Amino acid sequence: MTADSRTARWKKMALPGVLILVFVGWITAITVGISNEPDSPGGAPSRSDLTSDVQSAIHDRDGKALRQFFSAAAGDDYGKSLIDKLSAGDSEVKVSEVRSGQQSFLEMTSGEHCLGFDILHEDDAWFVDAVPRIQGCGR
């Protein structure tokens, strides 16, 4: 057997081995990704719980906990950046539910600043829309 034929034989055997390793790596990545998914989609069981849970998360300055109450449109650091924005002043952040006609929204006030977010009901859970209302806190 010559050196060229041994090299060709190794290349012939290496291709299936590499393909098998890539496949096993892909399956492993999918399995790890699925196992790291949260058990529950988040949200709150009721609108009143949503208001109090959001208030608690803001008070505790827990961006990760706050993020779970926002719709899927919110990014991973959404809760942290919102807390930073609302807590920039010396005033305490107050969260309340406001009803305006048939709609209700969550109002977050800090001093003279106010942000309004629509309340959504999806999959038996209550969420806050990630996009602030155009009207702000205006009723």
Protein backbone atom coordinates (compact mmCIF):
# COMPACT_ATOMS: atom_id res chain seq x y z
CA MET A 1 0.00 0.00 0.00
CA THR A 2 1.40 3.36 -0.98
CA ALA A 3 1.31 6.59 0.96
CA ASP A 4 -1.19 8.10 -1.49
CA SER A 5 -3.62 5.21 -1.07
CA ARG A 6 -3.38 5.43 2.76
CA THR A 7 -4.12 9.17 2.61
CA ALA A 8 -7.08 8.56 0.31
CA ARG A 9 -8.37 5.83 2.64
CA TRP A 10 -8.13 8.16 5.68
CA LYS A 11 -9.99 10.92 3.81
CA LYS A 12 -12.66 8.42 2.80
CA MET A 13 -13.11 7.31 6.43
CA ALA A 14 -12.86 10.83 7.89
CA LEU A 15 -15.80 12.32 5.99
CA PRO A 16 -18.46 10.06 7.58
CA GLY A 17 -16.82 10.57 10.98
CA VAL A 18 -16.93 14.35 10.64
CA LEU A 19 -20.56 14.21 9.50
CA ILE A 20 -21.48 12.07 12.50
CA LEU A 21 -19.72 14.49 14.88
CA VAL A 22 -21.53 17.47 13.33
CA PHE A 23 -24.87 15.67 13.65
CA VAL A 24 -24.22 14.74 17.31
CA GLY A 25 -23.17 18.34 18.04
CA TRP A 26 -26.32 19.68 16.40
CA ILE A 27 -28.58 17.33 18.40
CA THR A 28 -26.73 18.28 21.60
CA ALA A 29 -27.18 22.00 20.91
CA ILE A 30 -30.92 21.53 20.34
CA THR A 31 -31.30 19.45 23.51
CA VAL A 32 -29.44 22.01 25.64
CA GLY A 33 -31.47 24.84 24.10
CA ILE A 34 -34.76 23.13 24.90
CA SER A 35 -33.70 22.32 28.45
CA ASN A 36 -32.83 25.98 29.08
CA GLU A 37 -36.27 27.24 28.04
CA PRO A 38 -38.33 28.62 30.93
CA ASP A 39 -40.98 26.29 32.34
CA SER A 40 -43.71 28.88 32.12
CA PRO A 41 -44.21 31.57 29.52
CA GLY A 42 -44.43 34.27 32.20
CA GLY A 43 -47.17 36.74 32.73
CA ALA A 44 -49.50 36.98 35.70
CA PRO A 45 -52.66 35.01 36.51
CA SER A 46 -54.82 38.17 36.83
CA ARG A 47 -54.70 41.88 36.04
CA SER A 48 -54.42 42.82 39.70
CA ASP A 49 -51.55 40.36 40.14
CA LEU A 50 -49.90 41.85 37.05
CA THR A 51 -50.00 45.32 38.58
CA SER A 52 -48.65 44.23 41.96
CA ASP A 53 -45.99 41.93 40.45
CA VAL A 54 -44.71 44.65 38.12
CA GLN A 55 -44.62 47.08 41.07
CA SER A 56 -42.64 44.54 43.14
CA ALA A 57 -40.15 43.87 40.35
CA ILE A 58 -39.55 47.59 39.85
CA HIS A 59 -39.24 48.18 43.60
CA ASP A 60 -36.72 45.31 43.87
CA ARG A 61 -34.91 46.62 40.75
CA ASP A 62 -35.13 43.10 39.29
CA GLY A 63 -35.01 43.48 35.50
CA LYS A 64 -35.19 39.74 34.88
CA ALA A 65 -38.37 39.40 36.95
CA LEU A 66 -39.88 42.47 35.27
CA ARG A 67 -39.13 41.11 31.79
CA GLN A 68 -41.39 38.08 32.31
CA PHE A 69 -44.45 40.34 32.54
CA PHE A 70 -43.88 41.94 29.13
CA SER A 71 -45.01 40.59 25.78
CA ALA A 72 -42.70 38.59 23.54
CA ALA A 73 -41.71 41.76 21.65
CA ALA A 74 -39.54 42.82 24.61
CA GLY A 75 -35.87 41.91 24.44
CA ASP A 76 -33.87 40.17 27.16
CA ASP A 77 -32.62 43.42 28.76
CA TYR A 78 -35.94 45.26 28.41
CA GLY A 79 -36.81 45.04 32.10
CA LYS A 80 -33.42 46.33 33.23
CA SER A 81 -33.41 49.26 30.81
CA LEU A 82 -36.98 50.21 31.79
CA ILE A 83 -36.09 50.14 35.48
CA ASP A 84 -33.03 52.31 34.79
CA LYS A 85 -35.17 54.80 32.86
CA LEU A 86 -37.94 54.97 35.46
CA SER A 87 -35.57 55.07 38.43
CA ALA A 88 -33.35 57.85 37.02
CA GLY A 89 -34.89 60.45 39.34
CA ASP A 90 -35.33 60.51 43.08
CA SER A 91 -39.04 59.70 42.95
CA GLU A 92 -40.48 56.32 43.72
CA VAL A 93 -42.00 54.48 40.76
CA LYS A 94 -45.72 53.82 41.14
CA VAL A 95 -47.58 51.29 39.03
CA SER A 96 -51.35 51.35 38.66
CA GLU A 97 -54.01 50.01 36.33
CA VAL A 98 -56.08 52.67 34.59
CA ARG A 99 -59.30 51.99 32.73
CA SER A 100 -60.18 54.14 29.77
CA GLY A 101 -63.44 53.10 28.17
CA GLN A 102 -63.21 49.42 27.22
CA GLN A 103 -59.40 49.45 27.38
CA SER A 104 -57.19 49.26 30.43
CA PHE A 105 -53.52 50.02 30.61
CA LEU A 106 -50.71 49.98 33.11
CA GLU A 107 -49.45 53.38 34.17
CA MET A 108 -45.89 53.74 35.50
CA THR A 109 -45.16 57.10 37.05
CA SER A 110 -41.97 58.49 38.49
CA GLY A 111 -42.11 62.13 39.50
CA GLU A 112 -43.51 64.01 36.52
CA HIS A 113 -42.65 61.23 34.05
CA CYS A 114 -45.31 58.73 33.07
CA LEU A 115 -45.38 55.76 30.71
CA GLY A 116 -48.52 53.89 29.74
CA PHE A 117 -48.53 50.29 28.49
CA ASP A 118 -51.52 48.35 27.18
CA ILE A 119 -52.48 45.20 29.08
CA LEU A 120 -52.71 42.01 27.03
CA HIS A 121 -54.40 38.69 27.78
CA GLU A 122 -52.73 35.73 26.06
CA ASP A 123 -52.75 32.01 26.85
CA ASP A 124 -54.56 32.45 30.18
CA ALA A 125 -51.96 34.95 31.41
CA TRP A 126 -51.80 38.74 31.63
CA PHE A 127 -48.92 40.68 30.09
CA VAL A 128 -47.86 44.26 29.53
CA ASP A 129 -47.33 45.29 25.90
CA ALA A 130 -43.65 46.06 25.31
CA VAL A 131 -44.47 49.11 23.19
CA PRO A 132 -45.54 52.15 25.24
CA ARG A 133 -48.84 53.75 24.35
CA ILE A 134 -48.69 56.66 21.91
CA GLN A 135 -51.12 58.55 24.15
CA GLY A 136 -48.80 58.01 27.10
CA CYS A 137 -50.80 58.11 30.28
CA GLY A 138 -53.48 60.32 28.74
CA ARG A 139 -56.95 58.97 29.07
